[in-house]
Amino acid sequence: MISMIVAMGENNAIGKDNELLWHLPEDFKHFKSVTMGKPILMGRKTYQSIGMPLPGRKNIVVTRDKGFFVEGVTIVDSIEEALEVSRQYDEVMVIGGASFYDQMLPLADKLYVTRVHKSFEADAFFPAINMEEWQVLERTEHAVDDKHAYSFSFVNYERITKT
């Protein structure tokens, strides 16, 4: 199963200048719990924004940069190769960035979305989701508090039809 995990604003904003647009500790915990023990697929820029392999997960970076190498990370040059090196897992997690999400959304079976209830100025966006193809499995709301400047929702979707 191919799953995608993303945090995005109301306008599908996911980042600016290769950085996140918010700091939500509960979202970091959610990301860790959903991805732990699973392979995580990402583009090179996303990996560079994280800066290190995420522990407890097989880190797979898709890049056309033949000179890119990081100890402890599997480097591949295509989506097909990324899926091949992770085929023994029940669930593969796509974690970004924008162009990788765009390429992978048609292949995805499940979405783990953190919807931050605000629109943001950004230069990276998650692609539009055709809601006729997805159903909500679970939704959990979180209000603003002393650790979270924005309200947000965790929403899990399952694909009901492929395009």
N, C-alpha and C. Protein backbone atom coordinates (compact mmCIF):
# COMPACT_ATOMS: atom_id res chain seq x y z
N MET A 1 0.85 -1.17 0.00
CA MET A 1 0.00 0.00 0.00
C MET A 1 0.90 1.24 0.00
N ILE A 2 0.54 2.20 -0.84
CA ILE A 2 1.27 3.47 -0.89
C ILE A 2 0.45 4.50 -0.14
N SER A 3 1.04 5.09 0.88
CA SER A 3 0.39 6.12 1.67
C SER A 3 1.20 7.40 1.58
N MET A 4 0.50 8.51 1.76
CA MET A 4 1.16 9.81 1.78
C MET A 4 0.82 10.48 3.11
N ILE A 5 1.80 11.14 3.69
CA ILE A 5 1.56 11.91 4.90
C ILE A 5 2.00 13.34 4.63
N VAL A 6 1.14 14.28 4.99
CA VAL A 6 1.40 15.69 4.68
C VAL A 6 0.70 16.57 5.71
N ALA A 7 1.34 17.69 6.02
CA ALA A 7 0.69 18.77 6.77
C ALA A 7 0.56 19.93 5.81
N MET A 8 -0.66 20.47 5.71
CA MET A 8 -0.87 21.56 4.76
C MET A 8 -1.90 22.54 5.29
N GLY A 9 -1.76 23.78 4.82
CA GLY A 9 -2.71 24.81 5.17
C GLY A 9 -4.00 24.66 4.39
N GLU A 10 -4.96 25.54 4.67
CA GLU A 10 -6.24 25.51 3.97
C GLU A 10 -6.07 25.69 2.46
N ASN A 11 -5.00 26.39 2.05
CA ASN A 11 -4.73 26.62 0.62
C ASN A 11 -3.73 25.59 0.06
N ASN A 12 -3.58 24.46 0.76
CA ASN A 12 -2.68 23.36 0.37
C ASN A 12 -1.20 23.73 0.47
N ALA A 13 -0.88 24.84 1.12
CA ALA A 13 0.51 25.25 1.32
C ALA A 13 1.21 24.23 2.21
N ILE A 14 2.44 23.85 1.80
CA ILE A 14 3.22 22.91 2.62
C ILE A 14 4.58 23.47 3.02
N GLY A 15 5.06 24.52 2.35
CA GLY A 15 6.37 25.03 2.71
C GLY A 15 6.74 26.30 1.98
N LYS A 16 7.79 26.92 2.48
CA LYS A 16 8.35 28.10 1.83
C LYS A 16 9.86 28.08 2.08
N ASP A 17 10.63 28.32 1.02
CA ASP A 17 12.09 28.31 1.12
C ASP A 17 12.60 27.01 1.74
N ASN A 18 11.96 25.90 1.38
CA ASN A 18 12.34 24.56 1.83
C ASN A 18 12.22 24.38 3.35
N GLU A 19 11.27 25.09 3.95
CA GLU A 19 11.01 24.96 5.38
C GLU A 19 9.52 24.85 5.63
N LEU A 20 9.16 24.23 6.76
CA LEU A 20 7.76 24.16 7.16
C LEU A 20 7.26 25.55 7.53
N LEU A 21 5.94 25.72 7.50
CA LEU A 21 5.33 27.02 7.74
C LEU A 21 4.82 27.19 9.17
N TRP A 22 4.93 26.16 9.99
CA TRP A 22 4.38 26.19 11.34
C TRP A 22 5.17 25.22 12.21
N HIS A 23 4.97 25.35 13.51
CA HIS A 23 5.56 24.41 14.47
C HIS A 23 4.41 23.85 15.30
N LEU A 24 4.07 22.60 15.06
CA LEU A 24 2.96 21.94 15.76
C LEU A 24 3.48 20.65 16.39
N PRO A 25 3.84 20.68 17.69
CA PRO A 25 4.41 19.49 18.33
C PRO A 25 3.56 18.23 18.18
N GLU A 26 2.23 18.36 18.26
CA GLU A 26 1.38 17.18 18.11
C GLU A 26 1.47 16.59 16.71
N ASP A 27 1.69 17.45 15.71
CA ASP A 27 1.84 16.95 14.34
C ASP A 27 3.15 16.18 14.20
N PHE A 28 4.22 16.65 14.84
CA PHE A 28 5.48 15.91 14.81
C PHE A 28 5.30 14.53 15.45
N LYS A 29 4.60 14.46 16.57
CA LYS A 29 4.33 13.18 17.23
C LYS A 29 3.51 12.27 16.33
N HIS A 30 2.50 12.85 15.68
CA HIS A 30 1.64 12.10 14.77
C HIS A 30 2.46 11.54 13.61
N PHE A 31 3.29 12.39 13.01
CA PHE A 31 4.16 11.96 11.90
C PHE A 31 5.02 10.78 12.34
N LYS A 32 5.63 10.90 13.50
CA LYS A 32 6.51 9.84 13.99
C LYS A 32 5.73 8.55 14.21
N SER A 33 4.56 8.63 14.84
CA SER A 33 3.80 7.40 15.12
C SER A 33 3.30 6.73 13.85
N VAL A 34 2.91 7.52 12.85
CA VAL A 34 2.39 6.94 11.60
C VAL A 34 3.51 6.33 10.76
N THR A 35 4.69 6.95 10.76
CA THR A 35 5.76 6.50 9.87
C THR A 35 6.74 5.51 10.50
N MET A 36 6.77 5.40 11.81
CA MET A 36 7.76 4.56 12.49
C MET A 36 7.70 3.11 11.99
N GLY A 37 8.87 2.57 11.66
CA GLY A 37 8.98 1.19 11.22
C GLY A 37 8.65 0.97 9.75
N LYS A 38 8.29 2.03 9.05
CA LYS A 38 7.92 1.92 7.63
C LYS A 38 8.96 2.63 6.77
N PRO A 39 9.08 2.24 5.52
CA PRO A 39 9.97 3.00 4.63
C PRO A 39 9.35 4.36 4.33
N ILE A 40 10.19 5.39 4.33
CA ILE A 40 9.73 6.74 3.98
C ILE A 40 10.41 7.16 2.69
N LEU A 41 9.60 7.55 1.72
CA LEU A 41 10.08 7.96 0.41
C LEU A 41 10.00 9.47 0.33
N MET A 42 11.07 10.09 -0.16
CA MET A 42 11.08 11.55 -0.26
C MET A 42 11.99 11.98 -1.39
N GLY A 43 11.79 13.21 -1.83
CA GLY A 43 12.70 13.82 -2.78
C GLY A 43 13.94 14.34 -2.07
N ARG A 44 14.96 14.67 -2.86
CA ARG A 44 16.23 15.13 -2.29
C ARG A 44 16.08 16.40 -1.47
N LYS A 45 15.33 17.38 -1.96
CA LYS A 45 15.19 18.64 -1.22
C LYS A 45 14.51 18.42 0.13
N THR A 46 13.54 17.52 0.17
CA THR A 46 12.90 17.21 1.45
C THR A 46 13.92 16.59 2.39
N TYR A 47 14.71 15.65 1.89
CA TYR A 47 15.74 15.06 2.74
C TYR A 47 16.69 16.15 3.26
N GLN A 48 17.13 17.04 2.38
CA GLN A 48 18.07 18.08 2.79
C GLN A 48 17.44 19.03 3.82
N SER A 49 16.13 19.26 3.74
CA SER A 49 15.49 20.12 4.73
C SER A 49 15.43 19.44 6.10
N ILE A 50 15.33 18.10 6.11
CA ILE A 50 15.35 17.34 7.37
C ILE A 50 16.78 17.28 7.90
N GLY A 51 17.73 17.04 7.01
CA GLY A 51 19.14 17.11 7.37
C GLY A 51 19.78 15.85 7.89
N MET A 52 18.99 14.80 8.09
CA MET A 52 19.55 13.55 8.60
C MET A 52 18.55 12.43 8.35
N PRO A 53 19.01 11.18 8.34
CA PRO A 53 18.06 10.07 8.23
C PRO A 53 17.15 10.04 9.46
N LEU A 54 15.87 9.78 9.25
CA LEU A 54 14.95 9.66 10.38
C LEU A 54 15.09 8.26 10.97
N PRO A 55 15.36 8.17 12.27
CA PRO A 55 15.60 6.86 12.89
C PRO A 55 14.34 5.99 12.91
N GLY A 56 14.57 4.67 12.88
CA GLY A 56 13.47 3.71 12.99
C GLY A 56 12.69 3.53 11.71
N ARG A 57 13.19 4.10 10.62
CA ARG A 57 12.52 4.01 9.33
C ARG A 57 13.56 3.82 8.24
N LYS A 58 13.21 3.08 7.20
CA LYS A 58 14.09 2.97 6.03
C LYS A 58 13.90 4.26 5.24
N ASN A 59 14.95 5.07 5.13
CA ASN A 59 14.91 6.34 4.42
C ASN A 59 15.30 6.12 2.97
N ILE A 60 14.40 6.47 2.05
CA ILE A 60 14.65 6.32 0.61
C ILE A 60 14.49 7.68 -0.04
N VAL A 61 15.55 8.13 -0.71
CA VAL A 61 15.54 9.44 -1.37
C VAL A 61 15.57 9.22 -2.88
N VAL A 62 14.62 9.85 -3.56
CA VAL A 62 14.56 9.79 -5.02
C VAL A 62 15.18 11.07 -5.56
N THR A 63 16.23 10.92 -6.37
CA THR A 63 16.91 12.09 -6.94
C THR A 63 17.56 11.73 -8.27
N ARG A 64 17.66 12.72 -9.13
CA ARG A 64 18.39 12.54 -10.39
C ARG A 64 19.86 12.94 -10.23
N ASP A 65 20.22 13.46 -9.05
CA ASP A 65 21.59 13.90 -8.77
C ASP A 65 22.46 12.67 -8.51
N LYS A 66 23.25 12.28 -9.49
CA LYS A 66 24.09 11.07 -9.40
C LYS A 66 25.17 11.19 -8.33
N GLY A 67 25.51 12.40 -7.92
CA GLY A 67 26.54 12.60 -6.92
C GLY A 67 26.01 12.65 -5.50
N PHE A 68 24.70 12.51 -5.32
CA PHE A 68 24.10 12.60 -3.99
C PHE A 68 24.29 11.29 -3.24
N PHE A 69 24.90 11.37 -2.06
CA PHE A 69 25.12 10.18 -1.23
C PHE A 69 25.02 10.58 0.23
N VAL A 70 24.33 9.77 1.01
CA VAL A 70 24.24 9.97 2.45
C VAL A 70 24.33 8.59 3.11
N GLU A 71 25.20 8.47 4.08
CA GLU A 71 25.33 7.22 4.84
C GLU A 71 24.00 6.89 5.51
N GLY A 72 23.55 5.65 5.37
CA GLY A 72 22.33 5.20 6.03
C GLY A 72 21.05 5.52 5.28
N VAL A 73 21.17 6.03 4.05
CA VAL A 73 20.00 6.38 3.24
C VAL A 73 20.10 5.61 1.92
N THR A 74 18.98 5.06 1.48
CA THR A 74 18.92 4.41 0.17
C THR A 74 18.62 5.47 -0.87
N ILE A 75 19.51 5.61 -1.85
CA ILE A 75 19.35 6.61 -2.91
C ILE A 75 18.92 5.89 -4.18
N VAL A 76 17.83 6.37 -4.80
CA VAL A 76 17.34 5.79 -6.05
C VAL A 76 17.08 6.92 -7.04
N ASP A 77 16.97 6.56 -8.32
CA ASP A 77 16.77 7.62 -9.31
C ASP A 77 15.40 7.60 -9.98
N SER A 78 14.48 6.77 -9.45
CA SER A 78 13.13 6.74 -10.02
C SER A 78 12.11 6.28 -8.98
N ILE A 79 10.87 6.63 -9.22
CA ILE A 79 9.77 6.17 -8.37
C ILE A 79 9.69 4.65 -8.41
N GLU A 80 9.84 4.09 -9.60
CA GLU A 80 9.77 2.64 -9.76
C GLU A 80 10.82 1.94 -8.90
N GLU A 81 12.03 2.48 -8.90
CA GLU A 81 13.09 1.89 -8.09
C GLU A 81 12.80 2.06 -6.60
N ALA A 82 12.25 3.20 -6.21
CA ALA A 82 11.89 3.43 -4.80
C ALA A 82 10.86 2.40 -4.34
N LEU A 83 9.87 2.15 -5.17
CA LEU A 83 8.84 1.17 -4.82
C LEU A 83 9.41 -0.25 -4.81
N GLU A 84 10.34 -0.52 -5.70
CA GLU A 84 10.97 -1.85 -5.76
C GLU A 84 11.78 -2.13 -4.49
N VAL A 85 12.56 -1.17 -4.02
CA VAL A 85 13.40 -1.41 -2.84
C VAL A 85 12.58 -1.44 -1.55
N SER A 86 11.30 -1.08 -1.62
CA SER A 86 10.46 -1.10 -0.42
C SER A 86 9.29 -2.07 -0.56
N ARG A 87 9.33 -2.95 -1.55
CA ARG A 87 8.17 -3.80 -1.84
C ARG A 87 7.86 -4.83 -0.74
N GLN A 88 8.83 -5.17 0.09
CA GLN A 88 8.57 -6.17 1.14
C GLN A 88 7.75 -5.60 2.29
N TYR A 89 7.52 -4.29 2.31
CA TYR A 89 6.76 -3.66 3.38
C TYR A 89 5.27 -3.59 3.01
N ASP A 90 4.41 -3.68 4.02
CA ASP A 90 2.97 -3.59 3.80
C ASP A 90 2.54 -2.17 3.43
N GLU A 91 3.22 -1.18 4.00
CA GLU A 91 2.86 0.21 3.75
C GLU A 91 4.12 1.03 3.53
N VAL A 92 4.11 1.82 2.48
CA VAL A 92 5.21 2.71 2.13
C VAL A 92 4.70 4.13 2.32
N MET A 93 5.49 4.99 2.98
CA MET A 93 5.06 6.35 3.29
C MET A 93 5.78 7.37 2.42
N VAL A 94 5.02 8.15 1.66
CA VAL A 94 5.57 9.25 0.88
C VAL A 94 5.49 10.49 1.75
N ILE A 95 6.65 11.16 1.98
CA ILE A 95 6.67 12.29 2.91
C ILE A 95 7.01 13.63 2.26
N GLY A 96 7.11 13.69 0.94
CA GLY A 96 7.34 14.98 0.28
C GLY A 96 8.55 14.97 -0.61
N GLY A 97 8.78 16.06 -1.26
CA GLY A 97 8.14 17.35 -1.27
C GLY A 97 7.07 17.50 -2.34
N ALA A 98 6.84 18.75 -2.72
CA ALA A 98 5.71 19.10 -3.56
C ALA A 98 5.69 18.34 -4.88
N SER A 99 6.79 18.33 -5.61
CA SER A 99 6.78 17.66 -6.92
C SER A 99 6.66 16.14 -6.75
N PHE A 100 7.23 15.60 -5.68
CA PHE A 100 7.12 14.17 -5.42
C PHE A 100 5.69 13.80 -5.05
N TYR A 101 5.04 14.63 -4.22
CA TYR A 101 3.63 14.42 -3.91
C TYR A 101 2.80 14.42 -5.20
N ASP A 102 3.09 15.37 -6.08
CA ASP A 102 2.34 15.49 -7.33
C ASP A 102 2.47 14.22 -8.17
N GLN A 103 3.67 13.67 -8.23
CA GLN A 103 3.90 12.44 -9.00
C GLN A 103 3.28 11.21 -8.34
N MET A 104 3.25 11.19 -7.01
CA MET A 104 2.81 10.00 -6.29
C MET A 104 1.31 9.96 -5.99
N LEU A 105 0.64 11.11 -5.97
CA LEU A 105 -0.78 11.12 -5.60
C LEU A 105 -1.62 10.15 -6.44
N PRO A 106 -1.43 10.06 -7.76
CA PRO A 106 -2.25 9.11 -8.52
C PRO A 106 -2.03 7.64 -8.13
N LEU A 107 -0.91 7.34 -7.49
CA LEU A 107 -0.59 5.97 -7.08
C LEU A 107 -1.00 5.67 -5.65
N ALA A 108 -1.35 6.69 -4.89
CA ALA A 108 -1.59 6.53 -3.45
C ALA A 108 -2.90 5.83 -3.16
N ASP A 109 -2.88 5.05 -2.07
CA ASP A 109 -4.06 4.34 -1.58
C ASP A 109 -4.64 5.00 -0.34
N LYS A 110 -3.78 5.70 0.41
CA LYS A 110 -4.20 6.30 1.67
C LYS A 110 -3.49 7.63 1.86
N LEU A 111 -4.19 8.58 2.48
CA LEU A 111 -3.62 9.89 2.81
C LEU A 111 -3.76 10.13 4.30
N TYR A 112 -2.69 10.56 4.93
CA TYR A 112 -2.70 11.02 6.31
C TYR A 112 -2.46 12.53 6.24
N VAL A 113 -3.50 13.31 6.41
CA VAL A 113 -3.41 14.75 6.23
C VAL A 113 -3.56 15.47 7.56
N THR A 114 -2.61 16.35 7.84
CA THR A 114 -2.79 17.32 8.92
C THR A 114 -3.21 18.60 8.23
N ARG A 115 -4.46 19.02 8.46
CA ARG A 115 -4.99 20.23 7.83
C ARG A 115 -4.89 21.36 8.84
N VAL A 116 -3.98 22.28 8.59
CA VAL A 116 -3.80 23.45 9.46
C VAL A 116 -4.84 24.48 9.03
N HIS A 117 -5.63 24.95 9.97
CA HIS A 117 -6.79 25.79 9.64
C HIS A 117 -6.41 27.25 9.46
N LYS A 118 -5.58 27.49 8.44
CA LYS A 118 -5.17 28.83 8.05
C LYS A 118 -4.55 28.72 6.67
N SER A 119 -4.67 29.77 5.87
CA SER A 119 -3.97 29.83 4.58
C SER A 119 -2.63 30.52 4.79
N PHE A 120 -1.62 30.06 4.07
CA PHE A 120 -0.26 30.55 4.26
C PHE A 120 0.34 31.00 2.94
N GLU A 121 1.24 31.97 3.02
CA GLU A 121 2.07 32.33 1.87
C GLU A 121 3.12 31.24 1.75
N ALA A 122 3.26 30.69 0.53
CA ALA A 122 4.15 29.55 0.36
C ALA A 122 4.67 29.48 -1.07
N ASP A 123 5.69 28.66 -1.26
CA ASP A 123 6.17 28.39 -2.62
C ASP A 123 6.09 26.89 -2.94
N ALA A 124 5.55 26.10 -2.02
CA ALA A 124 5.36 24.67 -2.24
C ALA A 124 3.96 24.30 -1.77
N PHE A 125 3.26 23.54 -2.61
CA PHE A 125 1.87 23.19 -2.33
C PHE A 125 1.62 21.72 -2.60
N PHE A 126 0.71 21.13 -1.82
CA PHE A 126 0.23 19.78 -2.08
C PHE A 126 -0.75 19.87 -3.24
N PRO A 127 -0.76 18.88 -4.14
CA PRO A 127 -1.70 18.93 -5.27
C PRO A 127 -3.15 18.86 -4.80
N ALA A 128 -4.05 19.36 -5.63
CA ALA A 128 -5.49 19.30 -5.32
C ALA A 128 -5.92 17.84 -5.19
N ILE A 129 -6.74 17.58 -4.20
CA ILE A 129 -7.28 16.24 -3.97
C ILE A 129 -8.69 16.20 -4.53
N ASN A 130 -8.94 15.28 -5.45
CA ASN A 130 -10.29 15.10 -5.99
C ASN A 130 -11.08 14.29 -4.96
N MET A 131 -11.96 14.97 -4.22
CA MET A 131 -12.65 14.32 -3.11
C MET A 131 -13.65 13.25 -3.56
N GLU A 132 -13.94 13.19 -4.85
CA GLU A 132 -14.80 12.11 -5.36
C GLU A 132 -14.05 10.77 -5.37
N GLU A 133 -12.72 10.82 -5.24
CA GLU A 133 -11.91 9.61 -5.27
C GLU A 133 -11.53 9.11 -3.87
N TRP A 134 -11.88 9.87 -2.83
CA TRP A 134 -11.42 9.56 -1.48
C TRP A 134 -12.57 9.59 -0.50
N GLN A 135 -12.45 8.79 0.56
CA GLN A 135 -13.40 8.87 1.66
C GLN A 135 -12.64 9.07 2.97
N VAL A 136 -13.25 9.81 3.87
CA VAL A 136 -12.65 10.06 5.18
C VAL A 136 -12.82 8.82 6.05
N LEU A 137 -11.72 8.35 6.61
CA LEU A 137 -11.75 7.21 7.53
C LEU A 137 -11.83 7.68 8.97
N GLU A 138 -11.12 8.77 9.26
CA GLU A 138 -11.02 9.25 10.64
C GLU A 138 -10.65 10.72 10.63
N ARG A 139 -11.21 11.46 11.58
CA ARG A 139 -10.91 12.89 11.70
C ARG A 139 -10.82 13.24 13.18
N THR A 140 -9.73 13.91 13.55
CA THR A 140 -9.52 14.35 14.93
C THR A 140 -9.17 15.83 14.91
N GLU A 141 -9.89 16.62 15.69
CA GLU A 141 -9.68 18.07 15.74
C GLU A 141 -8.76 18.45 16.89
N HIS A 142 -7.96 19.50 16.67
CA HIS A 142 -7.09 20.04 17.71
C HIS A 142 -7.24 21.56 17.73
N ALA A 143 -7.48 22.09 18.89
CA ALA A 143 -7.66 23.54 19.04
C ALA A 143 -6.32 24.23 19.29
N VAL A 144 -6.34 25.54 19.14
CA VAL A 144 -5.18 26.36 19.51
C VAL A 144 -4.94 26.17 21.01
N ASP A 145 -3.67 26.08 21.40
CA ASP A 145 -3.32 26.04 22.81
C ASP A 145 -1.94 26.67 22.99
N ASP A 146 -1.36 26.55 24.17
CA ASP A 146 -0.08 27.23 24.42
C ASP A 146 1.08 26.67 23.60
N LYS A 147 0.93 25.47 23.02
CA LYS A 147 1.99 24.89 22.20
C LYS A 147 1.67 24.92 20.70
N HIS A 148 0.45 25.28 20.36
CA HIS A 148 -0.01 25.23 18.96
C HIS A 148 -0.68 26.54 18.60
N ALA A 149 -0.03 27.32 17.73
CA ALA A 149 -0.53 28.64 17.35
C ALA A 149 -1.74 28.57 16.42
N TYR A 150 -1.97 27.40 15.81
CA TYR A 150 -3.07 27.23 14.86
C TYR A 150 -3.89 26.01 15.24
N SER A 151 -5.19 26.07 14.99
CA SER A 151 -6.00 24.86 15.11
C SER A 151 -5.71 23.98 13.89
N PHE A 152 -5.91 22.69 14.04
CA PHE A 152 -5.64 21.76 12.94
C PHE A 152 -6.42 20.48 13.14
N SER A 153 -6.50 19.70 12.08
CA SER A 153 -7.21 18.41 12.11
C SER A 153 -6.31 17.34 11.52
N PHE A 154 -6.34 16.17 12.12
CA PHE A 154 -5.75 14.99 11.51
C PHE A 154 -6.88 14.31 10.75
N VAL A 155 -6.72 14.14 9.44
CA VAL A 155 -7.75 13.51 8.62
C VAL A 155 -7.11 12.39 7.81
N ASN A 156 -7.63 11.18 7.98
CA ASN A 156 -7.14 10.03 7.22
C ASN A 156 -8.15 9.71 6.12
N TYR A 157 -7.63 9.57 4.90
CA TYR A 157 -8.47 9.27 3.74
C TYR A 157 -8.06 7.94 3.14
N GLU A 158 -9.03 7.26 2.55
CA GLU A 158 -8.77 6.04 1.80
C GLU A 158 -9.32 6.23 0.40
N ARG A 159 -8.53 5.80 -0.58
CA ARG A 159 -8.99 5.95 -1.97
C ARG A 159 -10.16 5.00 -2.23
N ILE A 160 -11.20 5.52 -2.87
CA ILE A 160 -12.34 4.68 -3.23
C ILE A 160 -12.38 4.39 -4.73
N THR A 161 -11.66 5.20 -5.51
CA THR A 161 -11.60 4.96 -6.95
C THR A 161 -10.31 5.55 -7.50
N LYS A 162 -9.70 4.86 -8.44
CA LYS A 162 -8.47 5.36 -9.09
C LYS A 162 -8.86 6.13 -10.34
N THR A 163 -8.06 7.17 -10.65
CA THR A 163 -8.33 7.97 -11.85
C THR A 163 -7.87 7.25 -13.09
